[in-house]
N, C-alpha and C. Protein backbone atom coordinates (compact mmCIF):
# COMPACT_ATOMS: atom_id res chain seq x y z
N MET A 1 3.88 27.62 3.38
CA MET A 1 4.37 27.00 2.17
C MET A 1 3.18 26.72 1.24
N ARG A 2 3.27 27.15 0.01
CA ARG A 2 2.20 26.99 -0.96
C ARG A 2 2.35 25.64 -1.66
N ARG A 3 1.25 24.95 -1.84
CA ARG A 3 1.26 23.66 -2.54
C ARG A 3 0.31 23.72 -3.74
N ARG A 4 0.73 23.08 -4.81
CA ARG A 4 -0.10 23.00 -6.00
C ARG A 4 -1.16 21.91 -5.83
N ALA A 5 -2.16 21.95 -6.69
CA ALA A 5 -3.22 20.93 -6.64
C ALA A 5 -2.67 19.60 -7.14
N PRO A 6 -3.04 18.49 -6.52
CA PRO A 6 -2.58 17.19 -7.00
C PRO A 6 -3.17 16.86 -8.36
N GLN A 7 -2.39 16.15 -9.15
CA GLN A 7 -2.82 15.76 -10.48
C GLN A 7 -3.18 14.28 -10.46
N LEU A 8 -4.34 13.94 -11.00
CA LEU A 8 -4.76 12.54 -11.07
C LEU A 8 -5.54 12.35 -12.36
N ALA A 9 -4.83 11.96 -13.42
CA ALA A 9 -5.48 11.72 -14.71
C ALA A 9 -6.31 10.45 -14.62
N ASP A 10 -7.23 10.28 -15.55
CA ASP A 10 -8.11 9.12 -15.55
C ASP A 10 -7.55 7.93 -16.32
N ASP A 11 -6.36 8.06 -16.90
CA ASP A 11 -5.78 6.99 -17.70
C ASP A 11 -5.40 5.79 -16.83
N VAL A 12 -5.67 4.60 -17.33
CA VAL A 12 -5.23 3.37 -16.67
C VAL A 12 -3.73 3.22 -16.91
N VAL A 13 -3.01 2.86 -15.85
CA VAL A 13 -1.56 2.67 -15.94
C VAL A 13 -1.25 1.26 -15.47
N GLU A 14 -0.41 0.56 -16.25
CA GLU A 14 0.00 -0.78 -15.86
C GLU A 14 1.51 -0.92 -16.02
N ILE A 15 2.17 -1.32 -14.94
CA ILE A 15 3.61 -1.50 -14.95
C ILE A 15 3.93 -2.72 -14.10
N ALA A 16 4.72 -3.62 -14.66
CA ALA A 16 5.23 -4.80 -13.95
C ALA A 16 4.12 -5.59 -13.26
N GLY A 17 2.98 -5.74 -13.91
CA GLY A 17 1.88 -6.51 -13.35
C GLY A 17 1.02 -5.76 -12.35
N LEU A 18 1.36 -4.51 -12.11
CA LEU A 18 0.59 -3.66 -11.20
C LEU A 18 -0.25 -2.72 -12.06
N ARG A 19 -1.55 -2.71 -11.81
CA ARG A 19 -2.48 -1.92 -12.64
C ARG A 19 -3.28 -0.98 -11.76
N ILE A 20 -3.38 0.27 -12.20
CA ILE A 20 -4.15 1.26 -11.45
C ILE A 20 -5.13 1.94 -12.40
N ASP A 21 -6.38 1.99 -11.97
CA ASP A 21 -7.43 2.69 -12.71
C ASP A 21 -7.91 3.82 -11.79
N PRO A 22 -7.34 5.02 -11.93
CA PRO A 22 -7.67 6.11 -11.01
C PRO A 22 -9.13 6.55 -11.09
N ALA A 23 -9.76 6.44 -12.25
CA ALA A 23 -11.15 6.85 -12.38
C ALA A 23 -12.06 5.95 -11.55
N ALA A 24 -11.75 4.67 -11.50
CA ALA A 24 -12.55 3.71 -10.74
C ALA A 24 -12.01 3.51 -9.32
N HIS A 25 -10.89 4.14 -9.02
CA HIS A 25 -10.21 3.96 -7.72
C HIS A 25 -9.94 2.49 -7.44
N GLN A 26 -9.37 1.80 -8.45
CA GLN A 26 -9.06 0.39 -8.32
C GLN A 26 -7.61 0.12 -8.64
N VAL A 27 -7.02 -0.75 -7.83
CA VAL A 27 -5.64 -1.19 -8.04
C VAL A 27 -5.65 -2.70 -8.00
N SER A 28 -4.89 -3.31 -8.91
CA SER A 28 -4.76 -4.77 -8.88
C SER A 28 -3.31 -5.14 -9.17
N ALA A 29 -2.91 -6.25 -8.57
CA ALA A 29 -1.59 -6.81 -8.79
C ALA A 29 -1.82 -8.20 -9.36
N GLY A 30 -1.57 -8.34 -10.64
CA GLY A 30 -1.95 -9.58 -11.31
C GLY A 30 -3.46 -9.66 -11.33
N ASP A 31 -4.00 -10.74 -10.80
CA ASP A 31 -5.46 -10.91 -10.74
C ASP A 31 -6.04 -10.50 -9.39
N LYS A 32 -5.18 -10.09 -8.46
CA LYS A 32 -5.64 -9.80 -7.10
C LYS A 32 -5.89 -8.31 -6.90
N PRO A 33 -7.06 -7.96 -6.37
CA PRO A 33 -7.31 -6.55 -6.05
C PRO A 33 -6.47 -6.12 -4.85
N VAL A 34 -6.07 -4.85 -4.85
CA VAL A 34 -5.29 -4.28 -3.76
C VAL A 34 -6.11 -3.15 -3.15
N ASP A 35 -6.37 -3.25 -1.86
CA ASP A 35 -7.14 -2.21 -1.16
C ASP A 35 -6.20 -1.09 -0.73
N LEU A 36 -6.48 0.13 -1.19
CA LEU A 36 -5.68 1.29 -0.82
C LEU A 36 -6.59 2.43 -0.40
N TRP A 37 -6.14 3.22 0.55
CA TRP A 37 -6.80 4.46 0.89
C TRP A 37 -6.54 5.45 -0.23
N THR A 38 -7.32 6.50 -0.30
CA THR A 38 -7.21 7.48 -1.38
C THR A 38 -5.82 8.08 -1.50
N THR A 39 -5.21 8.43 -0.39
CA THR A 39 -3.88 9.05 -0.45
C THR A 39 -2.85 8.08 -1.00
N GLU A 40 -2.90 6.82 -0.57
CA GLU A 40 -1.96 5.83 -1.09
C GLU A 40 -2.19 5.59 -2.58
N LEU A 41 -3.45 5.62 -3.00
CA LEU A 41 -3.76 5.46 -4.42
C LEU A 41 -3.16 6.62 -5.23
N ARG A 42 -3.33 7.84 -4.75
CA ARG A 42 -2.76 9.00 -5.45
C ARG A 42 -1.24 8.93 -5.47
N LEU A 43 -0.64 8.49 -4.37
CA LEU A 43 0.81 8.36 -4.29
C LEU A 43 1.31 7.31 -5.28
N LEU A 44 0.66 6.16 -5.32
CA LEU A 44 1.03 5.11 -6.26
C LEU A 44 0.87 5.59 -7.70
N HIS A 45 -0.24 6.26 -7.98
CA HIS A 45 -0.46 6.77 -9.34
C HIS A 45 0.64 7.75 -9.74
N PHE A 46 1.02 8.63 -8.84
CA PHE A 46 2.09 9.58 -9.14
C PHE A 46 3.39 8.84 -9.44
N PHE A 47 3.74 7.86 -8.59
CA PHE A 47 4.95 7.08 -8.83
C PHE A 47 4.90 6.35 -10.17
N MET A 48 3.76 5.73 -10.46
CA MET A 48 3.66 4.94 -11.69
C MET A 48 3.68 5.79 -12.95
N THR A 49 3.30 7.04 -12.84
CA THR A 49 3.35 7.93 -14.02
C THR A 49 4.69 8.65 -14.11
N HIS A 50 5.58 8.41 -13.14
CA HIS A 50 6.93 8.99 -13.15
C HIS A 50 7.96 7.92 -12.75
N PRO A 51 7.99 6.78 -13.45
CA PRO A 51 8.89 5.70 -13.03
C PRO A 51 10.36 6.09 -13.16
N GLY A 52 11.14 5.61 -12.19
CA GLY A 52 12.58 5.81 -12.25
C GLY A 52 13.08 7.13 -11.68
N ARG A 53 12.21 8.08 -11.48
CA ARG A 53 12.63 9.39 -10.97
C ARG A 53 12.58 9.40 -9.45
N VAL A 54 13.55 10.08 -8.84
CA VAL A 54 13.60 10.20 -7.38
C VAL A 54 12.89 11.48 -6.97
N PHE A 55 12.03 11.36 -5.95
CA PHE A 55 11.29 12.52 -5.45
C PHE A 55 11.53 12.68 -3.96
N SER A 56 11.76 13.91 -3.55
CA SER A 56 11.92 14.21 -2.13
C SER A 56 10.54 14.18 -1.46
N ARG A 57 10.55 14.13 -0.14
CA ARG A 57 9.29 14.16 0.59
C ARG A 57 8.52 15.45 0.29
N ALA A 58 9.24 16.57 0.25
CA ALA A 58 8.59 17.86 -0.02
C ALA A 58 7.93 17.86 -1.40
N ARG A 59 8.59 17.29 -2.38
CA ARG A 59 8.02 17.25 -3.74
C ARG A 59 6.79 16.34 -3.77
N LEU A 60 6.86 15.20 -3.06
CA LEU A 60 5.70 14.31 -3.00
C LEU A 60 4.53 14.99 -2.32
N LEU A 61 4.79 15.76 -1.27
CA LEU A 61 3.72 16.53 -0.62
C LEU A 61 3.08 17.49 -1.61
N ASP A 62 3.89 18.19 -2.38
CA ASP A 62 3.37 19.14 -3.37
C ASP A 62 2.50 18.43 -4.41
N GLU A 63 2.98 17.32 -4.91
CA GLU A 63 2.32 16.64 -6.02
C GLU A 63 1.11 15.80 -5.60
N VAL A 64 1.15 15.21 -4.42
CA VAL A 64 0.10 14.28 -4.02
C VAL A 64 -0.90 14.91 -3.06
N TRP A 65 -0.42 15.66 -2.08
CA TRP A 65 -1.33 16.23 -1.08
C TRP A 65 -1.97 17.52 -1.55
N GLY A 66 -1.22 18.35 -2.26
CA GLY A 66 -1.79 19.57 -2.81
C GLY A 66 -1.54 20.82 -1.99
N GLU A 67 -2.18 21.89 -2.42
CA GLU A 67 -1.92 23.25 -1.95
C GLU A 67 -2.43 23.55 -0.54
N HIS A 68 -3.58 23.10 -0.19
CA HIS A 68 -4.22 23.54 1.05
C HIS A 68 -4.05 22.58 2.21
N VAL A 69 -3.04 21.73 2.12
CA VAL A 69 -2.79 20.76 3.18
C VAL A 69 -1.43 21.04 3.78
N PHE A 70 -1.39 21.20 5.08
CA PHE A 70 -0.13 21.48 5.76
C PHE A 70 0.16 20.35 6.72
N VAL A 71 1.06 19.48 6.31
CA VAL A 71 1.43 18.31 7.10
C VAL A 71 2.94 18.21 7.17
N GLU A 72 3.42 17.44 8.13
CA GLU A 72 4.85 17.20 8.27
C GLU A 72 5.36 16.35 7.11
N GLU A 73 6.61 16.55 6.73
CA GLU A 73 7.18 15.76 5.65
C GLU A 73 7.22 14.28 5.99
N ARG A 74 7.35 13.95 7.26
CA ARG A 74 7.40 12.55 7.68
C ARG A 74 6.07 11.83 7.45
N THR A 75 5.02 12.56 7.19
CA THR A 75 3.73 11.95 6.84
C THR A 75 3.89 11.10 5.59
N VAL A 76 4.76 11.53 4.70
CA VAL A 76 5.02 10.77 3.47
C VAL A 76 5.52 9.37 3.84
N ASP A 77 6.40 9.29 4.83
CA ASP A 77 6.95 7.99 5.24
C ASP A 77 5.85 7.05 5.70
N VAL A 78 4.89 7.57 6.43
CA VAL A 78 3.77 6.75 6.92
C VAL A 78 2.97 6.19 5.75
N HIS A 79 2.69 7.02 4.77
CA HIS A 79 1.90 6.57 3.62
C HIS A 79 2.70 5.62 2.72
N ILE A 80 4.01 5.83 2.62
CA ILE A 80 4.86 4.89 1.88
C ILE A 80 4.83 3.52 2.56
N ARG A 81 4.91 3.52 3.89
CA ARG A 81 4.87 2.26 4.64
C ARG A 81 3.53 1.55 4.41
N ARG A 82 2.42 2.28 4.48
CA ARG A 82 1.10 1.68 4.24
C ARG A 82 0.98 1.14 2.81
N LEU A 83 1.50 1.89 1.85
CA LEU A 83 1.47 1.45 0.46
C LEU A 83 2.28 0.18 0.29
N ARG A 84 3.47 0.14 0.86
CA ARG A 84 4.29 -1.07 0.77
C ARG A 84 3.60 -2.26 1.42
N GLN A 85 2.96 -2.05 2.57
CA GLN A 85 2.26 -3.14 3.24
C GLN A 85 1.13 -3.69 2.38
N ALA A 86 0.43 -2.82 1.69
CA ALA A 86 -0.68 -3.26 0.82
C ALA A 86 -0.16 -4.03 -0.39
N LEU A 87 1.02 -3.67 -0.87
CA LEU A 87 1.59 -4.31 -2.06
C LEU A 87 2.43 -5.54 -1.73
N ALA A 88 2.79 -5.72 -0.47
CA ALA A 88 3.68 -6.81 -0.06
C ALA A 88 3.20 -8.21 -0.41
N PRO A 89 1.91 -8.55 -0.25
CA PRO A 89 1.48 -9.92 -0.54
C PRO A 89 1.79 -10.38 -1.97
N THR A 90 1.89 -9.48 -2.91
CA THR A 90 2.19 -9.85 -4.29
C THR A 90 3.64 -9.55 -4.68
N GLY A 91 4.42 -9.01 -3.73
CA GLY A 91 5.82 -8.71 -4.01
C GLY A 91 6.06 -7.37 -4.69
N HIS A 92 5.00 -6.61 -4.95
CA HIS A 92 5.14 -5.33 -5.63
C HIS A 92 5.67 -4.22 -4.72
N ASP A 93 5.78 -4.49 -3.43
CA ASP A 93 6.33 -3.50 -2.51
C ASP A 93 7.77 -3.15 -2.84
N LYS A 94 8.47 -4.07 -3.51
CA LYS A 94 9.87 -3.84 -3.87
C LYS A 94 10.03 -2.82 -5.00
N LEU A 95 8.91 -2.46 -5.63
CA LEU A 95 8.97 -1.45 -6.69
C LEU A 95 9.18 -0.05 -6.14
N ILE A 96 8.88 0.15 -4.85
CA ILE A 96 9.05 1.46 -4.23
C ILE A 96 10.36 1.44 -3.46
N GLU A 97 11.29 2.19 -3.93
CA GLU A 97 12.65 2.18 -3.38
C GLU A 97 12.93 3.43 -2.57
N THR A 98 13.55 3.26 -1.42
CA THR A 98 14.02 4.40 -0.63
C THR A 98 15.38 4.81 -1.14
N VAL A 99 15.54 6.08 -1.45
CA VAL A 99 16.83 6.61 -1.87
C VAL A 99 17.38 7.40 -0.69
N ARG A 100 18.34 6.82 -0.04
CA ARG A 100 18.86 7.36 1.21
C ARG A 100 19.26 8.83 1.10
N GLY A 101 18.75 9.62 2.03
CA GLY A 101 19.09 11.04 2.08
C GLY A 101 18.39 11.90 1.05
N THR A 102 17.57 11.27 0.19
CA THR A 102 16.91 12.02 -0.88
C THR A 102 15.40 11.88 -0.84
N GLY A 103 14.90 10.64 -0.89
CA GLY A 103 13.46 10.44 -0.93
C GLY A 103 13.11 9.06 -1.41
N TYR A 104 12.20 8.99 -2.39
CA TYR A 104 11.68 7.71 -2.87
C TYR A 104 11.60 7.71 -4.39
N ARG A 105 11.59 6.49 -4.95
CA ARG A 105 11.36 6.33 -6.38
C ARG A 105 10.62 5.03 -6.64
N PHE A 106 9.89 5.02 -7.72
CA PHE A 106 9.22 3.82 -8.22
C PHE A 106 10.17 3.24 -9.25
N LYS A 107 10.70 2.05 -8.96
CA LYS A 107 11.75 1.49 -9.81
C LYS A 107 11.32 0.14 -10.39
N PRO A 108 10.51 0.17 -11.43
CA PRO A 108 10.11 -1.08 -12.07
C PRO A 108 11.20 -1.54 -13.04
N ASP A 109 11.08 -2.77 -13.50
CA ASP A 109 11.91 -3.23 -14.58
C ASP A 109 11.38 -2.53 -15.83
N LEU A 110 12.10 -1.53 -16.30
CA LEU A 110 11.58 -0.68 -17.38
C LEU A 110 11.33 -1.44 -18.69
N GLN A 111 11.93 -2.63 -18.85
CA GLN A 111 11.68 -3.41 -20.06
C GLN A 111 10.26 -3.98 -20.07
N THR A 112 9.68 -4.19 -18.88
CA THR A 112 8.33 -4.76 -18.83
C THR A 112 7.27 -3.70 -18.63
N ALA A 113 7.68 -2.44 -18.60
CA ALA A 113 6.73 -1.36 -18.35
C ALA A 113 5.76 -1.24 -19.51
N ASN A 114 4.48 -1.06 -19.17
CA ASN A 114 3.43 -0.89 -20.19
C ASN A 114 2.42 0.10 -19.64
N ILE A 115 2.28 1.23 -20.31
CA ILE A 115 1.29 2.22 -19.89
C ILE A 115 0.18 2.20 -20.91
N ALA A 116 -1.02 1.88 -20.44
CA ALA A 116 -2.19 1.79 -21.34
C ALA A 116 -3.08 3.01 -21.12
N ALA A 117 -3.74 3.42 -22.18
CA ALA A 117 -4.67 4.55 -22.07
C ALA A 117 -6.07 4.05 -21.94
């Protein structure tokens, strides 16, 4: 199975009090820094740049892991769990929603969404 290269723009993204600076590899929730591994950071960035859309595990593998990585689709579940655990202390874990039988989506309150460049 061929995978495309993951996309990670350098733009700062902020939604619902969650801020990600991919160039600096920094995530914060309010005033608190959030420690994430690189894969979880890329996964969060992808979700935050595509709010409200549902993605299958296969699509997330294509977009986040890239072309030359061959892993099981269930690997996505492990990284989603780690991401939720990292975001749980500030309550931002609820922004990542499981869509039964389909995959996952980042579901912020779209009225408070703010994407900064």
